[in-house]
PDB file of N, CA and C in Angstrom:
ATOM      1  N   MET A   1      36.234  14.649   8.420  1.00  0.00           N
ATOM      2  CA  MET A   1      36.131  15.492   9.473  1.00  0.00           C
ATOM      3  C   MET A   1      34.993  14.690  10.392  1.00  0.00           C
ATOM      4  N   ASP A   2      35.334  14.544  11.662  1.00  0.00           N
ATOM      5  CA  ASP A   2      34.396  13.778  12.624  1.00  0.00           C
ATOM      6  C   ASP A   2      33.321  14.768  13.089  1.00  0.00           C
ATOM      7  N   ILE A   3      32.088  14.030  13.216  1.00  0.00           N
ATOM      8  CA  ILE A   3      30.857  14.865  13.772  1.00  0.00           C
ATOM      9  C   ILE A   3      30.856  14.615  15.140  1.00  0.00           C
ATOM     10  N   ALA A   4      30.428  15.626  15.891  1.00  0.00           N
ATOM     11  CA  ALA A   4      30.324  15.482  17.375  1.00  0.00           C
ATOM     12  C   ALA A   4      29.181  16.300  17.861  1.00  0.00           C
ATOM     13  N   GLU A   5      28.793  15.959  18.926  1.00  0.00           N
ATOM     14  CA  GLU A   5      27.535  16.605  19.787  1.00  0.00           C
ATOM     15  C   GLU A   5      27.700  18.107  19.633  1.00  0.00           C
ATOM     16  N   PHE A   6      26.551  18.737  19.291  1.00  0.00           N
ATOM     17  CA  PHE A   6      26.402  20.173  19.193  1.00  0.00           C
ATOM     18  C   PHE A   6      27.004  20.778  17.911  1.00  0.00           C
ATOM     19  N   ASP A   7      27.542  19.844  17.013  1.00  0.00           N
ATOM     20  CA  ASP A   7      27.959  20.438  15.550  1.00  0.00           C
ATOM     21  C   ASP A   7      26.525  20.882  14.694  1.00  0.00           C
ATOM     22  N   TRP A   8      26.750  21.643  14.039  1.00  0.00           N
ATOM     23  CA  TRP A   8      25.726  22.042  12.927  1.00  0.00           C
ATOM     24  C   TRP A   8      25.915  21.417  11.696  1.00  0.00           C
ATOM     25  N   VAL A   9      24.915  20.401  11.286  1.00  0.00           N
ATOM     26  CA  VAL A   9      25.088  19.645  10.218  1.00  0.00           C
ATOM     27  C   VAL A   9      24.126  19.753   9.110  1.00  0.00           C
ATOM     28  N   ARG A  10      24.380  19.344   7.806  1.00  0.00           N
ATOM     29  CA  ARG A  10      23.489  19.441   6.650  1.00  0.00           C
ATOM     30  C   ARG A  10      23.026  18.043   6.319  1.00  0.00           C
ATOM     31  N   VAL A  11      21.668  17.788   6.010  1.00  0.00           N
ATOM     32  CA  VAL A  11      21.175  16.427   5.602  1.00  0.00           C
ATOM     33  C   VAL A  11      21.491  16.285   4.084  1.00  0.00           C
ATOM     34  N   LEU A  12      22.123  15.178   4.079  1.00  0.00           N
ATOM     35  CA  LEU A  12      22.669  14.843   2.652  1.00  0.00           C
ATOM     36  C   LEU A  12      21.671  13.784   1.801  1.00  0.00           C
ATOM     37  N   ARG A  13      20.996  12.994   2.411  1.00  0.00           N
ATOM     38  CA  ARG A  13      20.174  11.836   2.061  1.00  0.00           C
ATOM     39  C   ARG A  13      18.776  11.893   2.701  1.00  0.00           C
ATOM     40  N   ALA A  14      17.960  11.214   2.047  1.00  0.00           N
ATOM     41  CA  ALA A  14      16.679  11.040   2.640  1.00  0.00           C
ATOM     42  C   ALA A  14      16.763  10.205   3.722  1.00  0.00           C
ATOM     43  N   VAL A  15      15.883  10.189   4.793  1.00  0.00           N
ATOM     44  CA  VAL A  15      15.950   9.369   6.013  1.00  0.00           C
ATOM     45  C   VAL A  15      14.529   8.512   6.078  1.00  0.00           C
ATOM     46  N   PRO A  16      14.674   7.231   6.308  1.00  0.00           N
ATOM     47  CA  PRO A  16      13.776   6.413   6.385  1.00  0.00           C
ATOM     48  C   PRO A  16      12.750   6.860   7.536  1.00  0.00           C
ATOM     49  N   PRO A  17      11.503   6.961   7.363  1.00  0.00           N
ATOM     50  CA  PRO A  17      10.324   7.208   8.378  1.00  0.00           C
ATOM     51  C   PRO A  17      10.658   6.378   9.643  1.00  0.00           C
ATOM     52  N   ALA A  18      11.209   5.359   9.692  1.00  0.00           N
ATOM     53  CA  ALA A  18      11.324   4.607  10.915  1.00  0.00           C
ATOM     54  C   ALA A  18      12.329   5.121  11.821  1.00  0.00           C
ATOM     55  N   ARG A  19      13.350   5.857  11.409  1.00  0.00           N
ATOM     56  CA  ARG A  19      14.049   6.647  12.235  1.00  0.00           C
ATOM     57  C   ARG A  19      13.873   8.112  12.689  1.00  0.00           C
ATOM     58  N   LEU A  20      12.604   8.458  12.368  1.00  0.00           N
ATOM     59  CA  LEU A  20      12.040   9.782  12.942  1.00  0.00           C
ATOM     60  C   LEU A  20      11.369   9.551  14.220  1.00  0.00           C
ATOM     61  N   HIS A  21      11.810  10.570  15.264  1.00  0.00           N
ATOM     62  CA  HIS A  21      11.206  10.408  16.484  1.00  0.00           C
ATOM     63  C   HIS A  21       9.912  11.179  16.682  1.00  0.00           C
ATOM     64  N   ARG A  22       8.749  10.266  16.880  1.00  0.00           N
ATOM     65  CA  ARG A  22       7.368  10.858  16.811  1.00  0.00           C
ATOM     66  C   ARG A  22       7.160  11.356  15.569  1.00  0.00           C
ATOM     67  N   PRO A  23       7.179  10.751  14.523  1.00  0.00           N
ATOM     68  CA  PRO A  23       6.768  11.061  13.086  1.00  0.00           C
ATOM     69  C   PRO A  23       5.287  11.586  13.104  1.00  0.00           C
ATOM     70  N   HIS A  24       5.264  12.799  12.480  1.00  0.00           N
ATOM     71  CA  HIS A  24       3.950  13.439  12.250  1.00  0.00           C
ATOM     72  C   HIS A  24       3.186  13.945  13.446  1.00  0.00           C
ATOM     73  N   SER A  25       3.709  13.678  14.790  1.00  0.00           N
ATOM     74  CA  SER A  25       3.280  14.344  15.871  1.00  0.00           C
ATOM     75  C   SER A  25       3.263  15.820  16.004  1.00  0.00           C
ATOM     76  N   ARG A  26       2.114  16.415  16.447  1.00  0.00           N
ATOM     77  CA  ARG A  26       2.382  18.074  16.505  1.00  0.00           C
ATOM     78  C   ARG A  26       2.842  18.648  15.267  1.00  0.00           C
ATOM     79  N   GLY A  27       2.646  18.159  13.950  1.00  0.00           N
ATOM     80  CA  GLY A  27       2.714  18.791  12.934  1.00  0.00           C
ATOM     81  C   GLY A  27       4.332  18.724  12.486  1.00  0.00           C
ATOM     82  N   GLN A  28       4.979  17.794  13.100  1.00  0.00           N
ATOM     83  CA  GLN A  28       6.424  17.440  12.992  1.00  0.00           C
ATOM     84  C   GLN A  28       6.862  17.074  11.458  1.00  0.00           C
ATOM     85  N   ALA A  29       7.604  17.751  10.756  1.00  0.00           N
ATOM     86  CA  ALA A  29       8.088  17.451   9.385  1.00  0.00           C
ATOM     87  C   ALA A  29       9.186  16.390   9.158  1.00  0.00           C
ATOM     88  N   ALA A  30       9.445  15.860   8.165  1.00  0.00           N
ATOM     89  CA  ALA A  30      10.438  14.922   7.924  1.00  0.00           C
ATOM     90  C   ALA A  30      11.593  15.873   7.550  1.00  0.00           C
ATOM     91  N   PRO A  31      12.882  15.153   7.801  1.00  0.00           N
ATOM     92  CA  PRO A  31      14.158  15.774   7.399  1.00  0.00           C
ATOM     93  C   PRO A  31      14.102  15.924   5.740  1.00  0.00           C
ATOM     94  N   THR A  32      14.646  16.823   5.252  1.00  0.00           N
ATOM     95  CA  THR A  32      14.621  17.300   3.789  1.00  0.00           C
ATOM     96  C   THR A  32      16.140  17.409   3.437  1.00  0.00           C
ATOM     97  N   VAL A  33      16.444  16.854   2.191  1.00  0.00           N
ATOM     98  CA  VAL A  33      17.828  16.926   1.898  1.00  0.00           C
ATOM     99  C   VAL A  33      18.218  18.455   1.781  1.00  0.00           C
ATOM    100  N   GLY A  34      19.278  18.988   2.408  1.00  0.00           N
ATOM    101  CA  GLY A  34      19.660  20.374   2.400  1.00  0.00           C
ATOM    102  C   GLY A  34      19.343  20.954   3.797  1.00  0.00           C
ATOM    103  N   ASP A  35      18.306  20.301   4.605  1.00  0.00           N
ATOM    104  CA  ASP A  35      17.927  20.806   5.851  1.00  0.00           C
ATOM    105  C   ASP A  35      19.301  21.028   6.756  1.00  0.00           C
ATOM    106  N   LEU A  36      19.267  21.977   7.513  1.00  0.00           N
ATOM    107  CA  LEU A  36      20.438  22.608   8.453  1.00  0.00           C
ATOM    108  C   LEU A  36      19.866  22.083   9.863  1.00  0.00           C
ATOM    109  N   ALA A  37      20.644  21.344  10.544  1.00  0.00           N
ATOM    110  CA  ALA A  37      20.105  21.012  11.978  1.00  0.00           C
ATOM    111  C   ALA A  37      21.428  20.952  12.798  1.00  0.00           C
ATOM    112  N   TRP A  38      21.220  20.425  14.191  1.00  0.00           N
ATOM    113  CA  TRP A  38      22.320  20.204  14.952  1.00  0.00           C
ATOM    114  C   TRP A  38      22.336  18.969  15.604  1.00  0.00           C
ATOM    115  N   VAL A  39      23.467  18.333  16.010  1.00  0.00           N
ATOM    116  CA  VAL A  39      23.562  17.080  16.440  1.00  0.00           C
ATOM    117  C   VAL A  39      23.342  17.178  18.014  1.00  0.00           C
ATOM    118  N   SER A  40      22.269  16.577  18.637  1.00  0.00           N
ATOM    119  CA  SER A  40      21.934  16.681  20.046  1.00  0.00           C
ATOM    120  C   SER A  40      22.429  15.647  20.798  1.00  0.00           C
ATOM    121  N   PHE A  41      22.796  14.504  20.243  1.00  0.00           N
ATOM    122  CA  PHE A  41      23.217  13.261  20.928  1.00  0.00           C
ATOM    123  C   PHE A  41      24.026  12.402  19.848  1.00  0.00           C
ATOM    124  N   ALA A  42      25.186  11.964  20.614  1.00  0.00           N
ATOM    125  CA  ALA A  42      25.958  10.885  19.763  1.00  0.00           C
ATOM    126  C   ALA A  42      25.947   9.628  20.510  1.00  0.00           C
ATOM    127  N   TYR A  43      25.295   8.578  19.960  1.00  0.00           N
ATOM    128  CA  TYR A  43      25.108   7.310  20.422  1.00  0.00           C
ATOM    129  C   TYR A  43      26.496   6.734  20.635  1.00  0.00           C
ATOM    130  N   ARG A  44      26.721   6.046  21.741  1.00  0.00           N
ATOM    131  CA  ARG A  44      27.837   5.287  22.183  1.00  0.00           C
ATOM    132  C   ARG A  44      27.945   4.121  21.295  1.00  0.00           C
ATOM    133  N   VAL A  45      26.884   3.386  21.063  1.00  0.00           N
ATOM    134  CA  VAL A  45      26.726   2.112  20.153  1.00  0.00           C
ATOM    135  C   VAL A  45      26.807   2.566  18.908  1.00  0.00           C
ATOM    136  N   GLN A  46      27.561   2.145  18.038  1.00  0.00           N
ATOM    137  CA  GLN A  46      27.727   2.446  16.526  1.00  0.00           C
ATOM    138  C   GLN A  46      27.204   1.252  15.655  1.00  0.00           C
ATOM    139  N   LEU A  47      26.611   1.625  14.634  1.00  0.00           N
ATOM    140  CA  LEU A  47      26.288   0.638  13.492  1.00  0.00           C
ATOM    141  C   LEU A  47      27.705   0.107  13.108  1.00  0.00           C
ATOM    142  N   PRO A  48      27.686  -0.987  12.514  1.00  0.00           N
ATOM    143  CA  PRO A  48      29.122  -1.537  11.889  1.00  0.00           C
ATOM    144  C   PRO A  48      29.775  -0.452  10.917  1.00  0.00           C
ATOM    145  N   ASN A  49      30.919   0.075  11.588  1.00  0.00           N
ATOM    146  CA  ASN A  49      31.742   1.089  10.871  1.00  0.00           C
ATOM    147  C   ASN A  49      30.963   2.666  10.571  1.00  0.00           C
ATOM    148  N   GLU A  50      29.903   2.776  11.335  1.00  0.00           N
ATOM    149  CA  GLU A  50      29.231   4.195  10.955  1.00  0.00           C
ATOM    150  C   GLU A  50      28.736   4.661  12.451  1.00  0.00           C
ATOM    151  N   PRO A  51      29.183   5.808  12.600  1.00  0.00           N
ATOM    152  CA  PRO A  51      28.237   6.279  13.893  1.00  0.00           C
ATOM    153  C   PRO A  51      26.887   6.756  13.605  1.00  0.00           C
ATOM    154  N   LEU A  52      26.151   6.795  14.756  1.00  0.00           N
ATOM    155  CA  LEU A  52      24.664   7.411  14.569  1.00  0.00           C
ATOM    156  C   LEU A  52      24.280   8.403  15.659  1.00  0.00           C
ATOM    157  N   PHE A  53      23.665   9.411  15.330  1.00  0.00           N
ATOM    158  CA  PHE A  53      23.336  10.664  15.848  1.00  0.00           C
ATOM    159  C   PHE A  53      21.947  10.985  16.034  1.00  0.00           C
ATOM    160  N   ILE A  54      21.592  11.561  17.116  1.00  0.00           N
ATOM    161  CA  ILE A  54      20.118  12.161  17.272  1.00  0.00           C
ATOM    162  C   ILE A  54      20.364  13.570  16.713  1.00  0.00           C
ATOM    163  N   VAL A  55      19.647  13.907  15.738  1.00  0.00           N
ATOM    164  CA  VAL A  55      19.801  15.193  14.990  1.00  0.00           C
ATOM    165  C   VAL A  55      18.585  15.979  15.069  1.00  0.00           C
ATOM    166  N   GLU A  56      18.592  17.273  15.396  1.00  0.00           N
ATOM    167  CA  GLU A  56      17.196  17.892  15.520  1.00  0.00           C
ATOM    168  C   GLU A  56      17.294  19.264  14.641  1.00  0.00           C
ATOM    169  N   CYS A  57      16.231  19.549  14.252  1.00  0.00           N
ATOM    170  CA  CYS A  57      16.047  20.916  13.310  1.00  0.00           C
ATOM    171  C   CYS A  57      14.743  21.574  14.026  1.00  0.00           C
ATOM    172  N   ARG A  58      15.189  22.811  14.342  1.00  0.00           N
ATOM    173  CA  ARG A  58      14.172  23.901  14.880  1.00  0.00           C
ATOM    174  C   ARG A  58      13.944  25.084  14.027  1.00  0.00           C
ATOM    175  N   GLY A  59      12.779  25.575  14.103  1.00  0.00           N
ATOM    176  CA  GLY A  59      12.477  26.779  13.483  1.00  0.00           C
ATOM    177  C   GLY A  59      13.001  28.158  13.854  1.00  0.00           C
ATOM    178  N   ILE A  60      12.895  29.262  13.454  1.00  0.00           N
ATOM    179  CA  ILE A  60      13.521  30.446  14.017  1.00  0.00           C
ATOM    180  C   ILE A  60      12.830  30.836  15.312  1.00  0.00           C
ATOM    181  N   ASP A  61      11.549  30.368  15.632  1.00  0.00           N
ATOM    182  CA  ASP A  61      10.894  30.612  16.875  1.00  0.00           C
ATOM    183  C   ASP A  61      11.268  29.660  17.917  1.00  0.00           C
ATOM    184  N   GLY A  62      12.157  28.702  17.541  1.00  0.00           N
ATOM    185  CA  GLY A  62      12.435  27.520  18.567  1.00  0.00           C
ATOM    186  C   GLY A  62      11.633  26.296  18.460  1.00  0.00           C
ATOM    187  N   SER A  63      10.593  26.337  17.559  1.00  0.00           N
ATOM    188  CA  SER A  63       9.761  25.366  17.556  1.00  0.00           C
ATOM    189  C   SER A  63      10.484  23.994  16.956  1.00  0.00           C
ATOM    190  N   LEU A  64      10.081  22.823  17.428  1.00  0.00           N
ATOM    191  CA  LEU A  64      10.680  21.650  16.744  1.00  0.00           C
ATOM    192  C   LEU A  64      10.228  21.373  15.495  1.00  0.00           C
ATOM    193  N   LEU A  65      11.122  21.251  14.382  1.00  0.00           N
ATOM    194  CA  LEU A  65      10.517  20.806  12.980  1.00  0.00           C
ATOM    195  C   LEU A  65      10.570  19.271  12.924  1.00  0.00           C
ATOM    196  N   TRP A  66      11.779  18.806  13.250  1.00  0.00           N
ATOM    197  CA  TRP A  66      11.891  17.226  13.184  1.00  0.00           C
ATOM    198  C   TRP A  66      13.058  16.845  14.195  1.00  0.00           C
ATOM    199  N   LEU A  67      12.890  15.655  14.315  1.00  0.00           N
ATOM    200  CA  LEU A  67      14.002  14.885  15.353  1.00  0.00           C
ATOM    201  C   LEU A  67      14.247  13.357  14.695  1.00  0.00           C
ATOM    202  N   ALA A  68      15.298  13.259  14.649  1.00  0.00           N
ATOM    203  CA  ALA A  68      15.523  11.930  13.919  1.00  0.00           C
ATOM    204  C   ALA A  68      17.061  11.326  14.276  1.00  0.00           C
ATOM    205  N   ASP A  69      17.237   9.903  14.048  1.00  0.00           N
ATOM    206  CA  ASP A  69      18.320   9.206  14.150  1.00  0.00           C
ATOM    207  C   ASP A  69      18.890   9.212  12.721  1.00  0.00           C
ATOM    208  N   LEU A  70      20.172   9.843  12.516  1.00  0.00           N
ATOM    209  CA  LEU A  70      20.869   9.989  11.316  1.00  0.00           C
ATOM    210  C   LEU A  70      22.186   9.304  11.327  1.00  0.00           C
ATOM    211  N   ARG A  71      22.485   8.682  10.241  1.00  0.00           N
ATOM    212  CA  ARG A  71      23.771   7.986  10.259  1.00  0.00           C
ATOM    213  C   ARG A  71      24.829   9.111   9.851  1.00  0.00           C
ATOM    214  N   ALA A  72      26.237   8.879  10.106  1.00  0.00           N
ATOM    215  CA  ALA A  72      27.317   9.821   9.782  1.00  0.00           C
ATOM    216  C   ALA A  72      27.244   9.963   8.049  1.00  0.00           C
ATOM    217  N   SER A  73      26.893   8.937   7.393  1.00  0.00           N
ATOM    218  CA  SER A  73      26.705   9.051   5.973  1.00  0.00           C
ATOM    219  C   SER A  73      25.670   9.866   5.436  1.00  0.00           C
ATOM    220  N   GLU A  74      24.690  10.183   6.133  1.00  0.00           N
ATOM    221  CA  GLU A  74      23.538  10.936   5.801  1.00  0.00           C
ATOM    222  C   GLU A  74      23.611  12.519   6.079  1.00  0.00           C
ATOM    223  N   ILE A  75      24.711  12.905   6.852  1.00  0.00           N
ATOM    224  CA  ILE A  75      24.968  14.430   7.221  1.00  0.00           C
ATOM    225  C   ILE A  75      26.264  14.670   6.990  1.00  0.00           C
ATOM    226  N   GLU A  76      26.682  15.962   6.860  1.00  0.00           N
ATOM    227  CA  GLU A  76      27.912  16.675   6.705  1.00  0.00           C
ATOM    228  C   GLU A  76      28.040  17.786   7.889  1.00  0.00           C
ATOM    229  N   ARG A  77      29.184  17.881   8.465  1.00  0.00           N
ATOM    230  CA  ARG A  77      29.323  18.956   9.289  1.00  0.00           C
ATOM    231  C   ARG A  77      29.666  20.212   8.614  1.00  0.00           C
ATOM    232  N   VAL A  78      28.810  21.258   9.153  1.00  0.00           N
ATOM    233  CA  VAL A  78      29.017  22.639   8.470  1.00  0.00           C
ATOM    234  C   VAL A  78      29.606  23.668   9.170  1.00  0.00           C
ATOM    235  N   MET A  79      29.489  23.554  10.602  1.00  0.00           N
ATOM    236  CA  MET A  79      29.856  24.370  11.613  1.00  0.00           C
ATOM    237  C   MET A  79      30.134  23.770  12.953  1.00  0.00           C
ATOM    238  N   GLN A  80      31.123  24.255  13.733  1.00  0.00           N
ATOM    239  CA  GLN A  80      31.312  23.552  15.079  1.00  0.00           C
ATOM    240  C   GLN A  80      30.571  24.344  16.196  1.00  0.00           C
ATOM    241  N   PRO A  81      30.296  23.772  17.313  1.00  0.00           N
ATOM    242  CA  PRO A  81      29.557  24.531  18.349  1.00  0.00           C
ATOM    243  C   PRO A  81      30.099  25.927  18.575  1.00  0.00           C
ATOM    244  N   GLY A  82      29.101  26.678  19.123  1.00  0.00           N
ATOM    245  CA  GLY A  82      29.537  28.035  19.461  1.00  0.00           C
ATOM    246  C   GLY A  82      29.355  29.035  18.127  1.00  0.00           C
ATOM    247  N   ALA A  83      29.312  28.444  17.063  1.00  0.00           N
ATOM    248  CA  ALA A  83      29.050  29.368  15.792  1.00  0.00           C
ATOM    249  C   ALA A  83      27.588  29.765  15.823  1.00  0.00           C
ATOM    250  N   PRO A  84      27.231  30.925  15.137  1.00  0.00           N
ATOM    251  CA  PRO A  84      25.759  31.100  15.141  1.00  0.00           C
ATOM    252  C   PRO A  84      25.228  30.429  14.010  1.00  0.00           C
ATOM    253  N   PRO A  85      23.866  30.048  14.170  1.00  0.00           N
ATOM    254  CA  PRO A  85      23.314  29.311  13.201  1.00  0.00           C
ATOM    255  C   PRO A  85      23.336  29.643  12.005  1.00  0.00           C
ATOM    256  N   PRO A  86      23.458  28.713  10.958  1.00  0.00           N
ATOM    257  CA  PRO A  86      23.470  29.214   9.515  1.00  0.00           C
ATOM    258  C   PRO A  86      22.246  29.420   9.016  1.00  0.00           C
ATOM    259  N   SER A  87      22.198  30.424   8.117  1.00  0.00           N
ATOM    260  CA  SER A  87      20.627  30.838   7.596  1.00  0.00           C
ATOM    261  C   SER A  87      20.088  29.600   6.888  1.00  0.00           C
ATOM    262  N   HIS A  88      18.741  29.472   6.844  1.00  0.00           N
ATOM    263  CA  HIS A  88      18.090  28.379   6.387  1.00  0.00           C
ATOM    264  C   HIS A  88      16.779  28.812   5.810  1.00  0.00           C
ATOM    265  N   PRO A  89      16.174  28.417   4.614  1.00  0.00           N
ATOM    266  CA  PRO A  89      14.929  28.924   4.143  1.00  0.00           C
ATOM    267  C   PRO A  89      13.658  28.653   5.185  1.00  0.00           C
ATOM    268  N   ARG A  90      13.907  27.512   5.952  1.00  0.00           N
ATOM    269  CA  ARG A  90      12.835  27.080   6.781  1.00  0.00           C
ATOM    270  C   ARG A  90      12.899  28.085   8.108  1.00  0.00           C
ATOM    271  N   TRP A  91      13.981  28.913   8.317  1.00  0.00           N
ATOM    272  CA  TRP A  91      13.901  29.758   9.421  1.00  0.00           C
ATOM    273  C   TRP A  91      13.624  31.098   9.177  1.00  0.00           C
ATOM    274  N   ALA A  92      13.100  31.336   7.814  1.00  0.00           N
ATOM    275  CA  ALA A  92      12.738  32.732   7.301  1.00  0.00           C
ATOM    276  C   ALA A  92      11.489  33.081   8.289  1.00  0.00           C
ATOM    277  N   SER A  93      11.368  34.334   8.571  1.00  0.00           N
ATOM    278  CA  SER A  93      10.262  34.782   9.309  1.00  0.00           C
ATOM    279  C   SER A  93       9.186  35.192   8.353  1.00  0.00           C
TER     280      SER A  93
END
């Protein structure tokens, strides 16, 4: 199943710190295996045989938890655009 912009995805593997956008700024966390996030941008240029995406995870209050470049092999699509966000422990109030 192809991943596209605005899809909800789950993180499957640890992400190298070099691919985090603004790591550790303003208390930004690192992606954790199992995190649910959404694809905010699909790069046109791809790694050899593998698409690359900007993926972001936000808290229930809309605050940015993390923003990172993730490869297709590091995420799986869980919902398409327009669906309500899946529940996630980080979003608990």
